[in-house]
Amino acid sequence: MGAAMALATMCASGTGWARCHLSDGEKAAVGAAAQGYIDAWIANDKDAVLALLSDTVVMIPHHGAPVRTGKDKVAEWWFPGGAVTAPILTYDRVTHEIDGCGELAFARGRLNELTYEYQGQVFRQADGNFLTLFRKTDQGDWLITHHIWNDPPTERN
């Protein structure tokens, strides 16, 4: 069963969810992984961004853009030609909730502002929501398995 389906089943069943939550330490570790994702983007560190994704990651972008499945497909999309082509200037988001059960976790929150440069112009996204699912590896790391976000159309500054 996929991570998203397992987490949805736990939430819908009520009984399993009521008995299963992450410990404070696990929530902190998931929060650190979520912050690591932001930090990697702010540093424009392609390798650090990709290291936080599971091999079978599913990205569900805003504005109805096609879903990207698998780390290789996400890398081709985000880093065409293997390079950072749209450097992040600011990335401000707040996480409102972190929880999960066992090896599955989620982080939910709000994007305040993301600005990036592309072909000499600065673009801004703001006021969006996100939901990120994580799976704990055998080594104890939390990797992103699914990520969905939305926000109004990008503004050119």
N, C-alpha and C. Protein backbone atom coordinates (compact mmCIF):
# COMPACT_ATOMS: atom_id res chain seq x y z
N MET A 1 0.86 -1.18 0.00
CA MET A 1 0.00 0.00 0.00
C MET A 1 0.90 1.23 0.00
N GLY A 2 0.59 2.18 -0.84
CA GLY A 2 1.38 3.40 -0.92
C GLY A 2 1.26 4.23 0.34
N ALA A 3 2.22 5.11 0.57
CA ALA A 3 2.24 5.94 1.77
C ALA A 3 1.00 6.81 1.89
N ALA A 4 0.58 7.40 0.78
CA ALA A 4 -0.59 8.28 0.82
C ALA A 4 -1.84 7.49 1.18
N MET A 5 -2.00 6.29 0.61
CA MET A 5 -3.17 5.47 0.89
C MET A 5 -3.15 4.99 2.34
N ALA A 6 -2.00 4.58 2.84
CA ALA A 6 -1.90 4.13 4.22
C ALA A 6 -2.26 5.24 5.20
N LEU A 7 -1.74 6.44 4.95
CA LEU A 7 -2.03 7.56 5.83
C LEU A 7 -3.49 7.95 5.75
N ALA A 8 -4.07 7.94 4.55
CA ALA A 8 -5.48 8.26 4.39
C ALA A 8 -6.36 7.23 5.09
N THR A 9 -5.98 5.96 5.00
CA THR A 9 -6.74 4.90 5.67
C THR A 9 -6.71 5.09 7.18
N MET A 10 -5.56 5.41 7.73
CA MET A 10 -5.46 5.65 9.18
C MET A 10 -6.34 6.81 9.60
N CYS A 11 -6.31 7.88 8.83
CA CYS A 11 -7.09 9.06 9.18
C CYS A 11 -8.58 8.77 9.09
N ALA A 12 -8.99 8.04 8.07
CA ALA A 12 -10.41 7.78 7.85
C ALA A 12 -10.96 6.78 8.85
N SER A 13 -10.13 5.84 9.29
CA SER A 13 -10.63 4.78 10.17
C SER A 13 -10.93 5.29 11.57
N GLY A 14 -10.28 6.34 11.99
CA GLY A 14 -10.55 6.89 13.31
C GLY A 14 -9.91 6.07 14.41
N THR A 15 -10.22 4.79 14.49
CA THR A 15 -9.73 3.98 15.60
C THR A 15 -8.22 3.84 15.56
N GLY A 16 -7.65 3.51 14.39
CA GLY A 16 -6.20 3.39 14.29
C GLY A 16 -5.51 4.71 14.54
N TRP A 17 -6.09 5.78 14.03
CA TRP A 17 -5.49 7.09 14.18
C TRP A 17 -5.51 7.54 15.63
N ALA A 18 -6.58 7.25 16.34
CA ALA A 18 -6.70 7.68 17.73
C ALA A 18 -5.61 7.06 18.60
N ARG A 19 -5.12 5.89 18.23
CA ARG A 19 -4.11 5.21 19.03
C ARG A 19 -2.71 5.46 18.54
N CYS A 20 -2.55 6.14 17.45
CA CYS A 20 -1.22 6.24 16.84
C CYS A 20 -0.90 7.67 16.47
N HIS A 21 0.09 8.21 17.12
CA HIS A 21 0.63 9.53 16.78
C HIS A 21 2.14 9.45 16.87
N LEU A 22 2.81 10.37 16.26
CA LEU A 22 4.25 10.44 16.40
C LEU A 22 4.62 10.98 17.78
N SER A 23 5.75 10.53 18.28
CA SER A 23 6.28 11.09 19.53
C SER A 23 6.76 12.51 19.26
N ASP A 24 7.00 13.26 20.31
CA ASP A 24 7.53 14.61 20.14
C ASP A 24 8.87 14.59 19.40
N GLY A 25 9.71 13.60 19.70
CA GLY A 25 11.00 13.48 19.02
C GLY A 25 10.84 13.19 17.54
N GLU A 26 9.88 12.32 17.19
CA GLU A 26 9.64 12.02 15.78
C GLU A 26 9.07 13.24 15.06
N LYS A 27 8.18 13.97 15.73
CA LYS A 27 7.64 15.20 15.12
C LYS A 27 8.77 16.20 14.87
N ALA A 28 9.69 16.30 15.81
CA ALA A 28 10.82 17.21 15.64
C ALA A 28 11.69 16.77 14.46
N ALA A 29 11.89 15.46 14.30
CA ALA A 29 12.69 14.95 13.19
C ALA A 29 12.01 15.22 11.85
N VAL A 30 10.70 15.06 11.78
CA VAL A 30 9.96 15.37 10.55
C VAL A 30 10.04 16.87 10.28
N GLY A 31 9.89 17.69 11.34
CA GLY A 31 10.02 19.13 11.19
C GLY A 31 11.40 19.52 10.67
N ALA A 32 12.43 18.84 11.16
CA ALA A 32 13.79 19.12 10.69
C ALA A 32 13.95 18.74 9.22
N ALA A 33 13.33 17.63 8.80
CA ALA A 33 13.38 17.25 7.39
C ALA A 33 12.65 18.28 6.53
N ALA A 34 11.50 18.75 7.00
CA ALA A 34 10.74 19.77 6.27
C ALA A 34 11.54 21.06 6.16
N GLN A 35 12.22 21.44 7.25
CA GLN A 35 13.05 22.65 7.22
C GLN A 35 14.28 22.44 6.34
N GLY A 36 14.81 21.23 6.34
CA GLY A 36 15.94 20.92 5.48
C GLY A 36 15.61 21.11 4.01
N TYR A 37 14.37 20.80 3.64
CA TYR A 37 13.90 21.01 2.28
C TYR A 37 13.94 22.49 1.93
N ILE A 38 13.45 23.33 2.82
CA ILE A 38 13.47 24.79 2.61
C ILE A 38 14.91 25.28 2.53
N ASP A 39 15.73 24.85 3.49
CA ASP A 39 17.13 25.28 3.53
C ASP A 39 17.87 24.89 2.25
N ALA A 40 17.60 23.69 1.74
CA ALA A 40 18.27 23.24 0.51
C ALA A 40 17.87 24.11 -0.68
N TRP A 41 16.58 24.49 -0.74
CA TRP A 41 16.15 25.37 -1.82
C TRP A 41 16.75 26.76 -1.69
N ILE A 42 16.77 27.30 -0.47
CA ILE A 42 17.35 28.64 -0.27
C ILE A 42 18.83 28.65 -0.64
N ALA A 43 19.51 27.54 -0.37
CA ALA A 43 20.93 27.43 -0.72
C ALA A 43 21.12 27.13 -2.21
N ASN A 44 20.00 26.90 -2.92
CA ASN A 44 20.05 26.51 -4.33
C ASN A 44 20.98 25.32 -4.53
N ASP A 45 20.82 24.34 -3.61
CA ASP A 45 21.65 23.14 -3.59
C ASP A 45 20.85 21.96 -4.15
N LYS A 46 20.99 21.74 -5.44
CA LYS A 46 20.26 20.69 -6.13
C LYS A 46 20.42 19.33 -5.45
N ASP A 47 21.64 18.96 -5.11
CA ASP A 47 21.89 17.66 -4.51
C ASP A 47 21.21 17.52 -3.15
N ALA A 48 21.22 18.60 -2.36
CA ALA A 48 20.57 18.56 -1.05
C ALA A 48 19.05 18.44 -1.20
N VAL A 49 18.48 19.14 -2.19
CA VAL A 49 17.03 19.02 -2.43
C VAL A 49 16.69 17.58 -2.79
N LEU A 50 17.40 17.02 -3.75
CA LEU A 50 17.11 15.67 -4.21
C LEU A 50 17.36 14.61 -3.15
N ALA A 51 18.31 14.85 -2.25
CA ALA A 51 18.60 13.89 -1.18
C ALA A 51 17.43 13.74 -0.21
N LEU A 52 16.54 14.71 -0.18
CA LEU A 52 15.39 14.67 0.73
C LEU A 52 14.18 13.97 0.12
N LEU A 53 14.29 13.53 -1.12
CA LEU A 53 13.18 12.89 -1.82
C LEU A 53 13.38 11.38 -1.88
N SER A 54 12.29 10.63 -1.70
CA SER A 54 12.36 9.19 -1.90
C SER A 54 12.54 8.92 -3.40
N ASP A 55 13.02 7.74 -3.74
CA ASP A 55 13.21 7.40 -5.15
C ASP A 55 11.89 7.39 -5.91
N THR A 56 10.79 7.12 -5.21
CA THR A 56 9.47 7.02 -5.84
C THR A 56 8.60 8.24 -5.54
N VAL A 57 9.21 9.36 -5.22
CA VAL A 57 8.48 10.57 -4.85
C VAL A 57 7.43 10.93 -5.90
N VAL A 58 6.32 11.51 -5.42
CA VAL A 58 5.25 11.98 -6.29
C VAL A 58 5.07 13.47 -6.00
N MET A 59 5.29 14.30 -7.02
CA MET A 59 5.09 15.75 -6.90
C MET A 59 3.80 16.11 -7.63
N ILE A 60 2.91 16.77 -6.91
CA ILE A 60 1.62 17.19 -7.46
C ILE A 60 1.63 18.71 -7.44
N PRO A 61 2.04 19.34 -8.55
CA PRO A 61 2.23 20.79 -8.58
C PRO A 61 0.93 21.58 -8.60
N HIS A 62 1.12 22.87 -8.42
CA HIS A 62 0.00 23.81 -8.48
C HIS A 62 -0.46 24.02 -9.92
N HIS A 63 -1.60 24.68 -10.07
CA HIS A 63 -2.14 25.12 -11.35
C HIS A 63 -2.39 24.00 -12.35
N GLY A 64 -2.58 22.77 -11.85
CA GLY A 64 -2.90 21.66 -12.74
C GLY A 64 -1.74 21.16 -13.58
N ALA A 65 -0.53 21.56 -13.23
CA ALA A 65 0.65 21.07 -13.96
C ALA A 65 0.72 19.54 -13.81
N PRO A 66 1.30 18.85 -14.78
CA PRO A 66 1.37 17.39 -14.71
C PRO A 66 2.10 16.89 -13.46
N VAL A 67 1.61 15.79 -12.93
CA VAL A 67 2.24 15.13 -11.80
C VAL A 67 3.57 14.55 -12.26
N ARG A 68 4.59 14.67 -11.41
CA ARG A 68 5.90 14.08 -11.69
C ARG A 68 6.09 12.95 -10.69
N THR A 69 6.41 11.76 -11.19
CA THR A 69 6.59 10.57 -10.35
C THR A 69 8.01 10.05 -10.51
N GLY A 70 8.69 9.90 -9.39
CA GLY A 70 10.06 9.39 -9.38
C GLY A 70 11.07 10.51 -9.29
N LYS A 71 12.12 10.27 -8.52
CA LYS A 71 13.15 11.29 -8.29
C LYS A 71 13.78 11.75 -9.61
N ASP A 72 14.00 10.84 -10.54
CA ASP A 72 14.62 11.22 -11.82
C ASP A 72 13.74 12.20 -12.59
N LYS A 73 12.44 11.94 -12.63
CA LYS A 73 11.52 12.83 -13.36
C LYS A 73 11.43 14.20 -12.68
N VAL A 74 11.43 14.20 -11.35
CA VAL A 74 11.40 15.47 -10.62
C VAL A 74 12.69 16.25 -10.87
N ALA A 75 13.82 15.55 -10.86
CA ALA A 75 15.11 16.21 -11.12
C ALA A 75 15.15 16.83 -12.51
N GLU A 76 14.64 16.11 -13.51
CA GLU A 76 14.61 16.65 -14.88
C GLU A 76 13.74 17.90 -14.95
N TRP A 77 12.64 17.90 -14.22
CA TRP A 77 11.69 19.02 -14.24
C TRP A 77 12.26 20.23 -13.49
N TRP A 78 12.73 20.02 -12.26
CA TRP A 78 13.22 21.12 -11.45
C TRP A 78 14.59 21.62 -11.88
N PHE A 79 15.43 20.72 -12.37
CA PHE A 79 16.81 21.05 -12.69
C PHE A 79 17.14 20.63 -14.13
N PRO A 80 16.53 21.29 -15.12
CA PRO A 80 16.78 20.90 -16.51
C PRO A 80 18.27 21.04 -16.84
N GLY A 81 18.79 20.01 -17.47
CA GLY A 81 20.21 20.01 -17.80
C GLY A 81 21.10 19.79 -16.59
N GLY A 82 20.48 19.44 -15.44
CA GLY A 82 21.24 19.16 -14.22
C GLY A 82 21.64 20.38 -13.42
N ALA A 83 21.11 21.55 -13.77
CA ALA A 83 21.52 22.79 -13.10
C ALA A 83 20.33 23.51 -12.50
N VAL A 84 20.61 24.36 -11.52
CA VAL A 84 19.59 25.25 -10.97
C VAL A 84 19.38 26.37 -11.98
N THR A 85 18.19 26.44 -12.56
CA THR A 85 17.92 27.45 -13.58
C THR A 85 17.05 28.59 -13.06
N ALA A 86 16.49 28.41 -11.86
CA ALA A 86 15.65 29.45 -11.26
C ALA A 86 16.03 29.58 -9.78
N PRO A 87 17.13 30.28 -9.48
CA PRO A 87 17.60 30.40 -8.10
C PRO A 87 16.52 31.00 -7.18
N ILE A 88 16.38 30.38 -6.03
CA ILE A 88 15.44 30.85 -5.02
C ILE A 88 16.06 32.03 -4.29
N LEU A 89 15.30 33.10 -4.15
CA LEU A 89 15.76 34.29 -3.43
C LEU A 89 15.20 34.31 -2.02
N THR A 90 13.92 33.99 -1.86
CA THR A 90 13.29 33.89 -0.54
C THR A 90 12.33 32.71 -0.56
N TYR A 91 12.20 32.06 0.60
CA TYR A 91 11.26 30.94 0.73
C TYR A 91 10.77 30.97 2.17
N ASP A 92 9.59 31.53 2.36
CA ASP A 92 9.02 31.71 3.70
C ASP A 92 7.72 30.93 3.79
N ARG A 93 7.73 29.89 4.61
CA ARG A 93 6.50 29.15 4.84
C ARG A 93 6.45 28.74 6.29
N VAL A 94 5.24 28.46 6.77
CA VAL A 94 5.05 28.06 8.15
C VAL A 94 4.34 26.71 8.16
N THR A 95 4.81 25.82 9.00
CA THR A 95 4.18 24.51 9.16
C THR A 95 3.20 24.59 10.31
N HIS A 96 1.94 24.25 10.05
CA HIS A 96 0.89 24.31 11.07
C HIS A 96 0.70 23.00 11.81
N GLU A 97 1.04 21.89 11.17
CA GLU A 97 0.76 20.59 11.78
C GLU A 97 1.75 19.56 11.28
N ILE A 98 2.25 18.76 12.20
CA ILE A 98 3.09 17.61 11.88
C ILE A 98 2.58 16.45 12.72
N ASP A 99 2.33 15.32 12.09
CA ASP A 99 1.94 14.12 12.83
C ASP A 99 2.10 12.92 11.91
N GLY A 100 1.64 11.79 12.34
CA GLY A 100 1.74 10.59 11.55
C GLY A 100 1.58 9.37 12.42
N CYS A 101 2.02 8.24 11.90
CA CYS A 101 1.89 6.97 12.61
C CYS A 101 2.97 6.03 12.11
N GLY A 102 3.77 5.52 13.02
CA GLY A 102 4.81 4.58 12.63
C GLY A 102 5.83 5.22 11.72
N GLU A 103 5.99 4.65 10.53
CA GLU A 103 7.00 5.16 9.58
C GLU A 103 6.44 6.19 8.61
N LEU A 104 5.17 6.59 8.79
CA LEU A 104 4.54 7.57 7.91
C LEU A 104 4.25 8.85 8.67
N ALA A 105 4.46 9.98 8.01
CA ALA A 105 4.21 11.27 8.65
C ALA A 105 3.75 12.27 7.61
N PHE A 106 3.21 13.39 8.09
CA PHE A 106 2.82 14.47 7.20
C PHE A 106 3.16 15.80 7.84
N ALA A 107 3.36 16.79 7.00
CA ALA A 107 3.51 18.19 7.42
C ALA A 107 2.55 18.99 6.57
N ARG A 108 1.78 19.86 7.22
CA ARG A 108 0.80 20.69 6.52
C ARG A 108 1.02 22.13 6.93
N GLY A 109 0.93 23.04 5.96
CA GLY A 109 1.13 24.43 6.31
C GLY A 109 0.81 25.39 5.20
N ARG A 110 1.41 26.55 5.32
CA ARG A 110 1.07 27.67 4.44
C ARG A 110 2.34 28.34 3.91
N LEU A 111 2.35 28.61 2.61
CA LEU A 111 3.41 29.38 1.99
C LEU A 111 3.09 30.86 2.16
N ASN A 112 4.00 31.61 2.73
CA ASN A 112 3.83 33.05 2.83
C ASN A 112 4.38 33.73 1.58
N GLU A 113 5.61 33.35 1.20
CA GLU A 113 6.19 33.96 0.01
C GLU A 113 7.36 33.13 -0.50
N LEU A 114 7.44 33.01 -1.80
CA LEU A 114 8.56 32.39 -2.49
C LEU A 114 8.91 33.31 -3.65
N THR A 115 10.15 33.73 -3.71
CA THR A 115 10.60 34.51 -4.86
C THR A 115 11.79 33.80 -5.49
N TYR A 116 11.85 33.90 -6.80
CA TYR A 116 12.95 33.27 -7.53
C TYR A 116 13.25 34.09 -8.78
N GLU A 117 14.44 33.88 -9.30
CA GLU A 117 14.87 34.57 -10.51
C GLU A 117 14.87 33.57 -11.66
N TYR A 118 14.35 34.00 -12.78
CA TYR A 118 14.36 33.14 -13.96
C TYR A 118 14.58 34.02 -15.18
N GLN A 119 15.61 33.72 -15.91
CA GLN A 119 15.97 34.45 -17.13
C GLN A 119 16.01 35.96 -16.89
N GLY A 120 16.63 36.35 -15.78
CA GLY A 120 16.84 37.76 -15.47
C GLY A 120 15.66 38.48 -14.86
N GLN A 121 14.54 37.80 -14.65
CA GLN A 121 13.38 38.42 -14.03
C GLN A 121 13.08 37.75 -12.70
N VAL A 122 12.50 38.52 -11.77
CA VAL A 122 12.14 38.00 -10.45
C VAL A 122 10.64 37.70 -10.44
N PHE A 123 10.31 36.52 -9.94
CA PHE A 123 8.93 36.08 -9.85
C PHE A 123 8.57 35.82 -8.38
N ARG A 124 7.29 35.97 -8.06
CA ARG A 124 6.83 35.83 -6.67
C ARG A 124 5.58 34.96 -6.63
N GLN A 125 5.59 34.03 -5.69
CA GLN A 125 4.41 33.25 -5.37
C GLN A 125 4.10 33.49 -3.90
N ALA A 126 2.81 33.53 -3.55
CA ALA A 126 2.44 33.78 -2.16
C ALA A 126 1.07 33.18 -1.87
N ASP A 127 0.80 33.09 -0.56
CA ASP A 127 -0.53 32.71 -0.08
C ASP A 127 -0.98 31.35 -0.57
N GLY A 128 -0.14 30.34 -0.42
CA GLY A 128 -0.50 28.98 -0.83
C GLY A 128 -0.51 28.02 0.34
N ASN A 129 -0.97 26.83 0.08
CA ASN A 129 -1.00 25.75 1.06
C ASN A 129 -0.13 24.61 0.57
N PHE A 130 0.32 23.77 1.51
CA PHE A 130 1.08 22.59 1.11
C PHE A 130 0.76 21.43 2.04
N LEU A 131 0.94 20.24 1.52
CA LEU A 131 0.85 19.00 2.29
C LEU A 131 1.98 18.11 1.80
N THR A 132 2.81 17.67 2.71
CA THR A 132 3.95 16.83 2.38
C THR A 132 3.87 15.55 3.20
N LEU A 133 4.03 14.41 2.53
CA LEU A 133 4.06 13.12 3.20
C LEU A 133 5.50 12.63 3.25
N PHE A 134 5.85 11.99 4.36
CA PHE A 134 7.20 11.48 4.58
C PHE A 134 7.13 10.01 4.96
N ARG A 135 8.20 9.28 4.66
CA ARG A 135 8.36 7.89 5.13
C ARG A 135 9.73 7.80 5.80
N LYS A 136 9.75 7.15 6.95
CA LYS A 136 11.00 6.96 7.69
C LYS A 136 11.79 5.80 7.09
N THR A 137 13.06 6.04 6.80
CA THR A 137 13.91 5.00 6.22
C THR A 137 14.44 4.09 7.33
N ASP A 138 15.04 2.99 6.94
CA ASP A 138 15.65 2.08 7.90
C ASP A 138 16.78 2.76 8.67
N GLN A 139 17.38 3.82 8.09
CA GLN A 139 18.45 4.57 8.74
C GLN A 139 17.90 5.65 9.66
N GLY A 140 16.57 5.83 9.70
CA GLY A 140 15.97 6.82 10.58
C GLY A 140 15.74 8.19 9.97
N ASP A 141 16.05 8.34 8.67
CA ASP A 141 15.81 9.61 7.99
C ASP A 141 14.36 9.66 7.50
N TRP A 142 13.81 10.85 7.46
CA TRP A 142 12.47 11.05 6.91
C TRP A 142 12.60 11.63 5.52
N LEU A 143 12.14 10.89 4.50
CA LEU A 143 12.20 11.33 3.11
C LEU A 143 10.81 11.69 2.61
N ILE A 144 10.75 12.65 1.71
CA ILE A 144 9.49 13.07 1.12
C ILE A 144 9.04 12.03 0.11
N THR A 145 7.80 11.55 0.28
CA THR A 145 7.22 10.58 -0.65
C THR A 145 6.18 11.23 -1.56
N HIS A 146 5.49 12.25 -1.05
CA HIS A 146 4.45 12.94 -1.81
C HIS A 146 4.47 14.41 -1.38
N HIS A 147 4.25 15.28 -2.34
CA HIS A 147 4.20 16.71 -2.01
C HIS A 147 3.20 17.37 -2.94
N ILE A 148 2.27 18.11 -2.36
CA ILE A 148 1.27 18.83 -3.14
C ILE A 148 1.22 20.26 -2.61
N TRP A 149 1.06 21.21 -3.54
CA TRP A 149 0.96 22.60 -3.12
C TRP A 149 0.06 23.36 -4.08
N ASN A 150 -0.46 24.47 -3.57
CA ASN A 150 -1.25 25.36 -4.41
C ASN A 150 -0.97 26.79 -4.01
N ASP A 151 -1.20 27.69 -4.90
CA ASP A 151 -1.05 29.12 -4.65
C ASP A 151 -1.62 29.84 -5.86
N PRO A 152 -1.89 31.12 -5.72
CA PRO A 152 -2.37 31.87 -6.89
C PRO A 152 -1.30 31.88 -7.98
N PRO A 153 -1.66 32.26 -9.18
CA PRO A 153 -0.66 32.34 -10.26
C PRO A 153 0.52 33.23 -9.87
N THR A 154 1.69 32.86 -10.38
CA THR A 154 2.92 33.57 -10.11
C THR A 154 2.84 35.01 -10.63
N GLU A 155 3.37 35.93 -9.83
CA GLU A 155 3.43 37.34 -10.22
C GLU A 155 4.86 37.66 -10.66
N ARG A 156 4.98 38.47 -11.66
CA ARG A 156 6.29 38.96 -12.07
C ARG A 156 6.53 40.25 -11.31
N ASN A 157 7.65 40.37 -10.60
CA ASN A 157 7.97 41.61 -9.85
C ASN A 157 8.69 42.59 -10.73
